[in-house]
N, C-alpha and C. Protein backbone atom coordinates (compact mmCIF):
# COMPACT_ATOMS: atom_id res chain seq x y z
N UNK A 1 -16.58 10.38 25.46
CA UNK A 1 -16.02 10.36 24.14
C UNK A 1 -14.66 10.18 24.51
N UNK A 2 -14.19 9.19 23.62
CA UNK A 2 -12.82 8.31 23.47
C UNK A 2 -12.58 8.22 22.13
N UNK A 3 -11.17 9.21 21.72
CA UNK A 3 -10.94 8.68 20.43
C UNK A 3 -9.49 8.06 20.65
N UNK A 4 -9.63 6.88 19.68
CA UNK A 4 -8.01 6.00 19.69
C UNK A 4 -7.73 6.38 17.98
N UNK A 5 -5.90 6.72 18.63
CA UNK A 5 -5.60 6.94 17.23
C UNK A 5 -4.39 6.26 16.98
N UNK A 6 -4.31 4.72 16.47
CA UNK A 6 -3.61 3.98 16.29
C UNK A 6 -2.81 3.61 15.40
N UNK A 7 -2.45 4.71 14.23
CA UNK A 7 -2.37 4.28 13.05
C UNK A 7 -1.07 4.00 12.64
N UNK A 8 0.19 4.63 13.50
CA UNK A 8 1.43 4.21 13.05
C UNK A 8 1.61 2.67 13.88
N UNK A 9 1.05 2.74 15.01
CA UNK A 9 0.91 1.61 15.99
C UNK A 9 0.72 0.33 15.03
N UNK A 10 -0.34 0.16 14.46
CA UNK A 10 -1.31 -0.81 13.81
C UNK A 10 -0.50 -1.33 12.70
N UNK A 11 0.66 -0.05 11.69
CA UNK A 11 1.40 -0.42 10.90
C UNK A 11 2.38 -1.48 11.26
N UNK A 12 2.78 -1.25 12.34
CA UNK A 12 4.15 -2.07 12.90
C UNK A 12 3.54 -3.49 13.30
N UNK A 13 2.33 -3.98 13.56
CA UNK A 13 1.67 -4.91 14.14
C UNK A 13 2.13 -6.36 13.15
N UNK A 14 2.07 -7.40 13.64
CA UNK A 14 1.63 -8.18 12.62
C UNK A 14 0.09 -8.22 12.30
N UNK A 15 0.24 -8.57 10.93
CA UNK A 15 -1.14 -8.20 10.35
C UNK A 15 -1.55 -6.85 10.50
N UNK A 16 -0.54 -5.89 10.20
CA UNK A 16 -0.81 -4.86 10.21
C UNK A 16 -1.38 -3.95 8.92
N UNK A 17 -1.35 -3.05 8.52
CA UNK A 17 -1.93 -2.32 7.49
C UNK A 17 -1.39 -2.53 6.51
N UNK A 18 0.01 -2.57 6.03
CA UNK A 18 1.09 -3.08 5.05
C UNK A 18 0.08 -4.46 4.64
N UNK A 19 0.50 -5.14 5.62
CA UNK A 19 -0.12 -6.51 5.62
C UNK A 19 -1.67 -6.81 4.91
N UNK A 20 -2.09 -6.21 5.67
CA UNK A 20 -3.74 -5.92 5.38
C UNK A 20 -3.77 -5.86 3.88
N UNK A 21 -3.27 -4.84 3.26
CA UNK A 21 -3.12 -4.34 1.57
C UNK A 21 -2.75 -5.20 1.10
N UNK A 22 -1.23 -6.34 1.35
CA UNK A 22 -0.65 -7.25 0.37
C UNK A 22 -2.41 -8.15 0.38
N UNK A 23 -2.65 -8.60 1.32
CA UNK A 23 -3.69 -9.90 1.47
C UNK A 23 -4.56 -9.41 0.65
N UNK A 24 -4.93 -7.98 0.25
CA UNK A 24 -6.40 -7.83 -0.61
C UNK A 24 -5.66 -8.18 -2.05
N UNK A 25 -4.29 -8.45 -2.36
CA UNK A 25 -3.97 -8.57 -3.47
C UNK A 25 -4.42 -10.17 -3.80
N UNK A 26 -4.58 -10.70 -2.91
CA UNK A 26 -4.50 -12.17 -2.90
C UNK A 26 -3.74 -13.04 -3.63
N UNK A 27 -2.32 -12.91 -3.39
CA UNK A 27 -1.23 -12.88 -4.16
C UNK A 27 -0.74 -14.65 -3.19
N UNK A 28 -0.71 -14.63 -2.18
CA UNK A 28 -0.54 -15.76 -1.25
C UNK A 28 0.62 -15.24 -0.41
N UNK A 29 1.83 -15.80 0.06
CA UNK A 29 2.57 -15.73 1.16
C UNK A 29 3.34 -13.82 0.96
N UNK A 30 3.58 -13.58 2.16
CA UNK A 30 4.31 -12.49 2.42
C UNK A 30 5.44 -12.52 3.21
N UNK A 31 6.17 -11.60 3.28
CA UNK A 31 7.53 -11.30 4.26
C UNK A 31 7.80 -9.75 4.29
N UNK A 32 8.00 -9.52 5.66
CA UNK A 32 8.34 -8.05 6.17
C UNK A 32 9.83 -7.79 5.77
N UNK A 33 10.13 -6.66 4.89
CA UNK A 33 11.40 -6.31 4.67
C UNK A 33 11.95 -4.88 6.09
N UNK A 34 10.85 -4.67 6.98
CA UNK A 34 11.48 -3.81 7.55
C UNK A 34 10.03 -3.64 8.33
N UNK A 35 10.01 -2.44 9.29
CA UNK A 35 8.57 -2.93 10.13
C UNK A 35 7.36 -2.29 9.38
N UNK A 36 7.45 -1.81 8.31
CA UNK A 36 6.32 -1.42 7.47
C UNK A 36 6.45 -1.63 5.91
N UNK A 37 6.96 -2.31 5.45
CA UNK A 37 7.05 -2.91 3.95
C UNK A 37 6.73 -4.06 4.02
N UNK A 38 6.09 -4.63 3.53
CA UNK A 38 5.67 -6.24 2.96
C UNK A 38 6.06 -6.32 1.37
N UNK A 39 6.42 -7.82 1.47
CA UNK A 39 6.62 -7.87 0.10
C UNK A 39 6.09 -9.47 -0.21
N UNK A 40 5.47 -9.02 -1.16
CA UNK A 40 4.66 -10.84 -2.26
C UNK A 40 5.58 -10.72 -3.39
N UNK A 41 4.73 -12.02 -3.88
CA UNK A 41 5.41 -12.25 -5.60
C UNK A 41 4.64 -13.00 -6.11
N UNK A 42 4.41 -12.72 -7.13
CA UNK A 42 3.19 -13.93 -7.94
C UNK A 42 3.69 -14.88 -8.30
N UNK A 43 3.23 -16.18 -8.51
CA UNK A 43 3.46 -17.46 -9.13
C UNK A 43 4.58 -17.31 -9.95
N UNK A 44 3.99 -16.49 -11.30
CA UNK A 44 4.54 -16.14 -12.41
C UNK A 44 4.40 -14.28 -12.69
N UNK A 45 4.95 -13.98 -13.40
CA UNK A 45 4.59 -12.35 -13.83
C UNK A 45 3.24 -11.96 -14.39
N UNK A 46 2.76 -11.05 -14.11
CA UNK A 46 1.52 -10.39 -14.80
C UNK A 46 1.38 -9.59 -15.26
N UNK A 47 0.34 -9.02 -16.07
CA UNK A 47 0.46 -7.66 -16.36
C UNK A 47 0.46 -6.38 -15.52
N UNK A 48 1.17 -5.62 -15.84
CA UNK A 48 1.27 -4.42 -14.40
C UNK A 48 -0.43 -3.88 -14.77
N UNK A 49 -0.92 -3.93 -16.05
CA UNK A 49 -2.22 -3.18 -16.45
C UNK A 49 -3.10 -3.73 -15.70
N UNK A 50 -3.03 -5.38 -15.09
CA UNK A 50 -4.42 -6.06 -14.28
C UNK A 50 -4.11 -5.58 -12.94
N UNK A 51 -2.52 -4.98 -12.34
CA UNK A 51 -2.57 -4.69 -11.22
C UNK A 51 -3.18 -3.37 -11.14
N UNK A 52 -2.79 -2.48 -11.80
CA UNK A 52 -3.25 -1.00 -11.89
C UNK A 52 -4.94 -1.16 -11.89
N UNK A 53 -5.67 -1.98 -12.44
CA UNK A 53 -6.76 -2.30 -12.31
C UNK A 53 -7.56 -2.39 -10.67
N UNK A 54 -6.65 -3.88 -10.07
CA UNK A 54 -6.88 -3.87 -8.91
C UNK A 54 -6.69 -3.05 -8.18
N UNK A 55 -5.74 -2.70 -8.16
CA UNK A 55 -5.24 -1.41 -6.79
C UNK A 55 -6.33 -0.13 -7.32
N UNK A 56 -7.10 0.00 -8.25
CA UNK A 56 -8.26 1.00 -8.30
C UNK A 56 -9.09 0.80 -7.43
N UNK A 57 -9.67 -0.87 -7.64
CA UNK A 57 -10.68 -1.44 -6.99
C UNK A 57 -10.64 -1.56 -5.36
N UNK A 58 -9.25 -1.67 -5.03
CA UNK A 58 -8.49 -1.99 -3.81
C UNK A 58 -8.81 -0.74 -2.96
N UNK A 59 -8.45 0.05 -3.82
CA UNK A 59 -8.66 1.43 -2.59
C UNK A 59 -9.47 2.60 -2.86
N UNK A 60 -10.12 1.98 -3.89
CA UNK A 60 -11.49 2.51 -4.19
C UNK A 60 -11.08 4.36 -4.83
N UNK A 61 -10.23 4.15 -5.77
CA UNK A 61 -9.58 5.47 -6.72
C UNK A 61 -9.88 5.18 -7.74
N UNK A 62 -10.14 6.59 -8.55
CA UNK A 62 -10.13 6.38 -9.68
C UNK A 62 -8.92 6.77 -10.43
N UNK A 63 -7.84 7.43 -9.87
CA UNK A 63 -6.29 7.40 -10.31
C UNK A 63 -5.44 6.98 -9.42
N UNK A 64 -4.21 6.72 -9.93
CA UNK A 64 -3.11 6.33 -9.89
C UNK A 64 -1.86 7.16 -10.38
N UNK A 65 -1.03 7.56 -9.07
CA UNK A 65 0.14 8.24 -9.84
C UNK A 65 1.16 7.43 -9.95
N UNK A 66 2.12 7.63 -11.02
CA UNK A 66 3.06 5.80 -11.26
C UNK A 66 4.08 6.88 -11.74
N UNK A 67 5.26 5.90 -11.77
CA UNK A 67 6.67 6.50 -11.47
C UNK A 67 7.24 4.82 -12.52
N UNK A 68 7.42 5.29 -13.54
CA UNK A 68 8.36 4.37 -14.58
C UNK A 68 7.16 3.27 -14.76
N UNK A 69 5.71 4.13 -15.24
CA UNK A 69 5.34 2.66 -15.55
C UNK A 69 4.93 2.27 -16.96
N UNK A 70 4.63 1.01 -17.52
CA UNK A 70 5.29 1.06 -18.86
C UNK A 70 3.87 -0.15 -19.09
N UNK A 71 3.09 0.02 -19.93
CA UNK A 71 1.93 -0.59 -19.79
C UNK A 71 2.42 -2.29 -20.34
N UNK A 72 3.02 -2.23 -21.06
CA UNK A 72 3.79 -3.65 -21.84
C UNK A 72 4.55 -4.64 -20.65
N UNK A 73 4.82 -3.86 -19.34
CA UNK A 73 5.59 -4.60 -18.38
C UNK A 73 4.86 -5.63 -17.83
N UNK A 74 5.57 -6.55 -17.03
CA UNK A 74 4.94 -7.77 -16.30
C UNK A 74 5.53 -7.55 -14.99
N UNK A 75 4.54 -7.96 -13.77
CA UNK A 75 4.99 -8.14 -12.61
C UNK A 75 4.97 -9.22 -11.85
N UNK A 76 6.52 -9.59 -11.12
CA UNK A 76 6.57 -10.53 -10.48
C UNK A 76 6.70 -10.44 -8.92
N UNK A 77 7.34 -9.28 -8.61
CA UNK A 77 7.65 -8.82 -7.22
C UNK A 77 7.15 -7.61 -6.53
N UNK A 78 6.62 -7.58 -5.78
CA UNK A 78 5.40 -6.19 -5.29
C UNK A 78 5.70 -6.17 -3.42
N UNK A 79 6.17 -4.61 -3.88
CA UNK A 79 6.29 -4.39 -2.09
C UNK A 79 4.91 -3.44 -1.74
N UNK A 80 4.56 -3.17 -0.43
CA UNK A 80 3.39 -2.66 -0.15
C UNK A 80 3.80 -2.02 1.14
N UNK A 81 3.78 -0.60 1.46
CA UNK A 81 3.93 0.36 2.59
C UNK A 81 2.68 1.29 2.59
N UNK A 82 2.09 1.06 3.82
CA UNK A 82 0.99 1.79 3.70
C UNK A 82 1.50 3.14 4.41
N UNK A 83 0.85 4.56 4.28
CA UNK A 83 1.18 5.90 4.61
C UNK A 83 2.25 6.24 3.65
N UNK A 84 3.43 6.93 4.28
CA UNK A 84 4.52 7.74 3.62
C UNK A 84 5.49 6.49 3.32
N UNK A 85 5.84 6.18 2.25
CA UNK A 85 6.83 4.68 1.87
C UNK A 85 8.18 5.66 1.33
N UNK A 86 8.15 6.36 0.83
CA UNK A 86 9.08 7.04 0.43
C UNK A 86 10.74 6.72 0.40
N UNK A 87 10.74 6.72 2.00
CA UNK A 87 12.18 6.93 2.84
C UNK A 87 12.65 5.10 2.64
N UNK A 88 11.92 4.68 2.39
CA UNK A 88 12.32 3.04 2.14
C UNK A 88 12.30 2.73 1.04
N UNK A 89 12.44 3.64 -0.24
CA UNK A 89 12.40 3.06 -1.42
C UNK A 89 13.74 2.60 -2.42
N UNK A 90 15.19 2.86 -1.19
CA UNK A 90 16.16 2.19 -1.77
C UNK A 90 16.18 0.59 -1.06
N UNK A 91 16.01 0.73 -0.13
CA UNK A 91 15.59 -0.80 0.78
C UNK A 91 15.00 -1.37 -0.40
N UNK A 92 13.60 -1.01 -1.15
CA UNK A 92 12.70 -1.84 -1.80
C UNK A 92 13.85 -2.32 -2.93
N UNK A 93 14.35 -1.34 -3.40
CA UNK A 93 15.19 -1.53 -4.50
C UNK A 93 15.75 -2.91 -4.60
N UNK A 94 16.73 -2.76 -3.08
CA UNK A 94 17.84 -3.58 -3.00
C UNK A 94 17.05 -4.86 -3.02
N UNK A 95 16.00 -5.25 -2.68
CA UNK A 95 15.23 -6.59 -2.87
C UNK A 95 14.57 -7.00 -4.05
N UNK A 96 15.13 -6.38 -4.93
CA UNK A 96 14.50 -6.66 -6.03
C UNK A 96 12.98 -6.36 -6.67
N UNK A 97 12.40 -5.65 -6.10
CA UNK A 97 11.09 -5.65 -6.36
C UNK A 97 10.67 -4.70 -7.89
N UNK A 98 9.63 -5.10 -8.44
CA UNK A 98 9.23 -4.60 -9.82
C UNK A 98 8.08 -3.55 -9.56
N UNK A 99 7.50 -3.79 -8.35
CA UNK A 99 6.46 -2.89 -8.59
C UNK A 99 6.26 -2.37 -6.67
N UNK A 100 6.19 -0.99 -6.42
CA UNK A 100 5.96 -0.73 -5.27
C UNK A 100 4.86 -0.13 -4.50
N UNK A 101 4.15 -0.35 -4.19
CA UNK A 101 2.84 0.25 -4.00
C UNK A 101 2.60 0.86 -2.61
N UNK A 102 2.73 2.68 -2.61
CA UNK A 102 2.91 2.97 -1.45
C UNK A 102 2.12 4.78 -1.60
N UNK A 103 2.42 5.29 -0.78
CA UNK A 103 1.99 6.69 -1.11
C UNK A 103 3.08 8.11 -0.52
N UNK A 104 2.76 9.14 -0.92
CA UNK A 104 3.29 10.63 -0.32
C UNK A 104 4.85 10.89 -0.98
N UNK A 105 5.10 10.24 -2.09
CA UNK A 105 6.67 10.46 -2.59
C UNK A 105 6.81 12.14 -2.64
N UNK A 106 8.09 12.05 -2.68
CA UNK A 106 8.56 13.24 -2.85
C UNK A 106 9.49 13.60 -4.01
N UNK A 107 9.29 14.83 -4.61
CA UNK A 107 9.80 14.76 -5.85
C UNK A 107 11.18 14.33 -6.00
N UNK A 108 12.03 14.72 -5.00
CA UNK A 108 13.66 13.96 -5.01
C UNK A 108 13.59 12.45 -4.74
N UNK A 109 12.80 11.63 -4.23
CA UNK A 109 12.79 10.54 -3.58
C UNK A 109 12.70 9.78 -4.98
N UNK A 110 12.04 10.29 -6.01
CA UNK A 110 11.71 9.45 -7.33
C UNK A 110 12.37 9.57 -8.49
N UNK A 111 13.69 10.53 -8.19
CA UNK A 111 14.34 10.93 -9.19
C UNK A 111 15.66 9.85 -9.31
N UNK A 112 16.14 9.33 -10.44
CA UNK A 112 17.04 8.68 -10.93
C UNK A 112 16.68 7.12 -10.46
N UNK A 113 15.50 6.69 -10.41
CA UNK A 113 15.22 5.32 -10.22
C UNK A 113 15.02 4.51 -11.52
N UNK A 114 15.89 3.49 -11.19
CA UNK A 114 15.95 2.46 -12.41
C UNK A 114 14.84 1.98 -12.93
N UNK A 115 15.01 2.19 -14.22
CA UNK A 115 13.52 2.16 -15.22
C UNK A 115 12.80 0.81 -14.91
N UNK A 116 13.53 -0.44 -14.41
CA UNK A 116 12.72 -1.54 -14.23
C UNK A 116 11.67 -1.33 -12.99
N UNK A 117 11.97 -0.56 -12.50
CA UNK A 117 11.32 -0.47 -11.00
C UNK A 117 10.18 0.78 -10.95
N UNK A 118 8.98 0.07 -10.65
CA UNK A 118 7.84 1.23 -10.93
C UNK A 118 6.94 1.53 -9.56
N UNK A 119 6.37 2.04 -9.48
CA UNK A 119 5.63 2.93 -7.95
C UNK A 119 4.31 3.29 -8.07
N UNK A 120 3.33 2.85 -7.70
CA UNK A 120 2.18 3.55 -7.84
C UNK A 120 1.79 4.14 -6.62
N UNK A 121 1.61 5.36 -6.50
CA UNK A 121 1.52 6.22 -5.09
C UNK A 121 -0.51 6.33 -5.29
N UNK A 122 -0.55 5.73 -4.13
CA UNK A 122 -2.29 5.51 -4.15
C UNK A 122 -2.86 6.61 -3.15
N UNK A 123 -2.26 7.63 -2.50
CA UNK A 123 -2.57 8.11 -1.62
C UNK A 123 -2.31 8.05 -0.58
N UNK A 124 -1.93 9.05 0.68
CA UNK A 124 -1.49 8.53 1.96
C UNK A 124 -3.09 7.83 2.57
N UNK A 125 -4.25 8.59 2.50
CA UNK A 125 -5.37 8.53 3.54
C UNK A 125 -6.31 6.98 2.74
N UNK A 126 -5.79 6.97 1.49
CA UNK A 126 -6.35 5.85 0.73
C UNK A 126 -5.57 4.46 1.32
N UNK A 127 -4.28 4.89 1.56
CA UNK A 127 -3.30 3.74 1.73
C UNK A 127 -3.76 2.81 3.08
N UNK A 128 -4.43 3.69 3.99
CA UNK A 128 -4.55 3.52 5.49
C UNK A 128 -5.76 3.27 6.12
N UNK A 129 -6.76 3.89 5.07
CA UNK A 129 -8.12 3.39 5.48
C UNK A 129 -8.47 1.85 5.23
N UNK A 130 -7.92 1.16 4.68
CA UNK A 130 -7.94 -0.32 4.55
C UNK A 130 -7.91 -0.90 5.92
N UNK A 131 -7.30 -0.41 7.01
CA UNK A 131 -7.23 -1.13 8.26
C UNK A 131 -8.34 -0.84 9.02
N UNK A 132 -9.41 0.05 8.67
CA UNK A 132 -10.25 0.29 9.46
C UNK A 132 -11.02 -0.89 9.96
N UNK A 133 -11.47 -1.47 9.01
CA UNK A 133 -12.51 -2.65 9.21
C UNK A 133 -11.76 -3.77 10.38
N UNK A 134 -10.54 -3.88 10.23
CA UNK A 134 -9.77 -4.62 11.21
C UNK A 134 -9.68 -4.01 12.28
N UNK A 135 -9.37 -3.33 12.37
CA UNK A 135 -9.59 -2.62 13.85
C UNK A 135 -10.88 -2.50 14.69
N UNK A 136 -11.88 -2.46 13.87
CA UNK A 136 -13.28 -2.17 14.39
C UNK A 136 -13.26 -3.72 15.22
N UNK A 137 -13.16 -4.91 13.83
CA UNK A 137 -13.16 -5.84 14.56
C UNK A 137 -12.45 -6.56 15.78
N UNK A 138 -11.18 -6.08 15.78
CA UNK A 138 -10.47 -6.05 16.94
C UNK A 138 -10.88 -5.60 18.40
N UNK A 139 -11.53 -4.11 18.16
CA UNK A 139 -12.19 -3.88 19.56
C UNK A 139 -13.46 -3.90 19.75
N UNK A 140 -14.17 -4.55 18.55
CA UNK A 140 -15.72 -4.98 19.04
C UNK A 140 -15.61 -6.41 19.91
N UNK A 141 -14.43 -6.74 19.77
CA UNK A 141 -14.47 -8.17 20.58
C UNK A 141 -14.27 -7.59 21.96
N UNK A 142 -14.22 -6.36 22.53
CA UNK A 142 -13.76 -6.20 23.73
C UNK A 142 -15.54 -5.06 24.07
N UNK A 143 -16.39 -5.60 23.20
CA UNK A 143 -18.11 -5.19 23.74
C UNK A 143 -17.62 -3.11 23.31
N UNK A 144 -16.75 -2.59 22.62
CA UNK A 144 -16.56 -1.22 22.35
C UNK A 144 -17.74 -0.85 21.27
N UNK A 145 -18.32 0.28 21.37
CA UNK A 145 -18.62 0.52 19.92
C UNK A 145 -17.93 1.45 19.64
N UNK A 146 -17.67 1.02 18.00
CA UNK A 146 -16.58 1.68 17.27
C UNK A 146 -17.57 2.11 15.80
N UNK A 147 -17.21 3.70 15.72
CA UNK A 147 -17.90 4.60 14.60
C UNK A 147 -16.59 4.85 13.95
N UNK A 148 -16.68 4.81 12.40
CA UNK A 148 -15.58 4.79 11.70
C UNK A 148 -16.06 6.34 10.77
N UNK A 149 -15.67 7.18 11.06
CA UNK A 149 -15.70 8.12 9.97
C UNK A 149 -15.31 7.86 8.73
N UNK A 150 -16.28 8.39 7.82
CA UNK A 150 -15.87 8.21 6.20
C UNK A 150 -15.33 9.47 5.67
N UNK A 151 -14.13 9.26 6.06
CA UNK A 151 -13.19 10.79 5.32
C UNK A 151 -12.95 10.40 3.98
N UNK A 152 -12.96 11.57 3.24
CA UNK A 152 -12.39 11.77 1.93
C UNK A 152 -11.59 12.28 1.60
N UNK A 153 -10.16 12.12 0.96
CA UNK A 153 -9.12 13.00 0.70
C UNK A 153 -9.76 14.51 0.29
N UNK A 154 -9.07 15.78 0.29
CA UNK A 154 -9.36 16.75 0.02
C UNK A 154 -8.41 17.27 -1.12
N UNK A 155 -7.80 16.14 -1.78
CA UNK A 155 -6.88 16.55 -3.02
C UNK A 155 -7.78 15.95 -4.09
N UNK A 156 -7.67 16.72 -5.02
CA UNK A 156 -8.61 16.41 -6.13
C UNK A 156 -7.82 16.54 -7.60
N UNK A 157 -7.66 15.52 -8.13
CA UNK A 157 -7.14 15.37 -9.48
C UNK A 157 -8.20 15.72 -10.60
N UNK A 158 -7.80 16.60 -11.06
CA UNK A 158 -8.99 17.04 -12.54
C UNK A 158 -8.39 16.47 -13.59
C-alpha cells in the first residue's frame, strides 16, 4: 500500500489546484500573482450572485462564507487560491481584485478590508478536492491504480 500526499506540491505546479479552480469558472485566460494565487478577468463585469451560484455548484457546497458581499455588486477581476489563502489577501488587494475565492480565513485577516473587495470562503477541503481528478489522470498514465477517498468536511453549518 502506497499513499501519496502531493497537495502542496500540486498547488504550485503549472495547471495546479488554483488554476484548475479558475478553469472551472470558464472565464478565459488567467495568470499567477505568486506560486499559489491565480487571477482572471471577465470580459465585462457580471453580477456577484451569478458567481455565488456557480461557486456552490463547482465546489458542491450549500453555503459560502462571505466577506463584504453585496448582491447588487458586479465582479470583473477574480482571484483564486486553493487551501488557506488568507496570507495573500494584501497582495490580492494590490492587484485590484474584486472577488477572492479561497478558504481558512482568520478573524484578523479580514478586518479593515476595502468595501469594494469581497471574499468567498469555500472551505479548505472543498477548495482542494477539485484537483483529485487531475492527479488521478496524471498517475493513471503510469499504469497506477488510483483510489480517491470520498472525504467530507467535519464542519457543518446549521
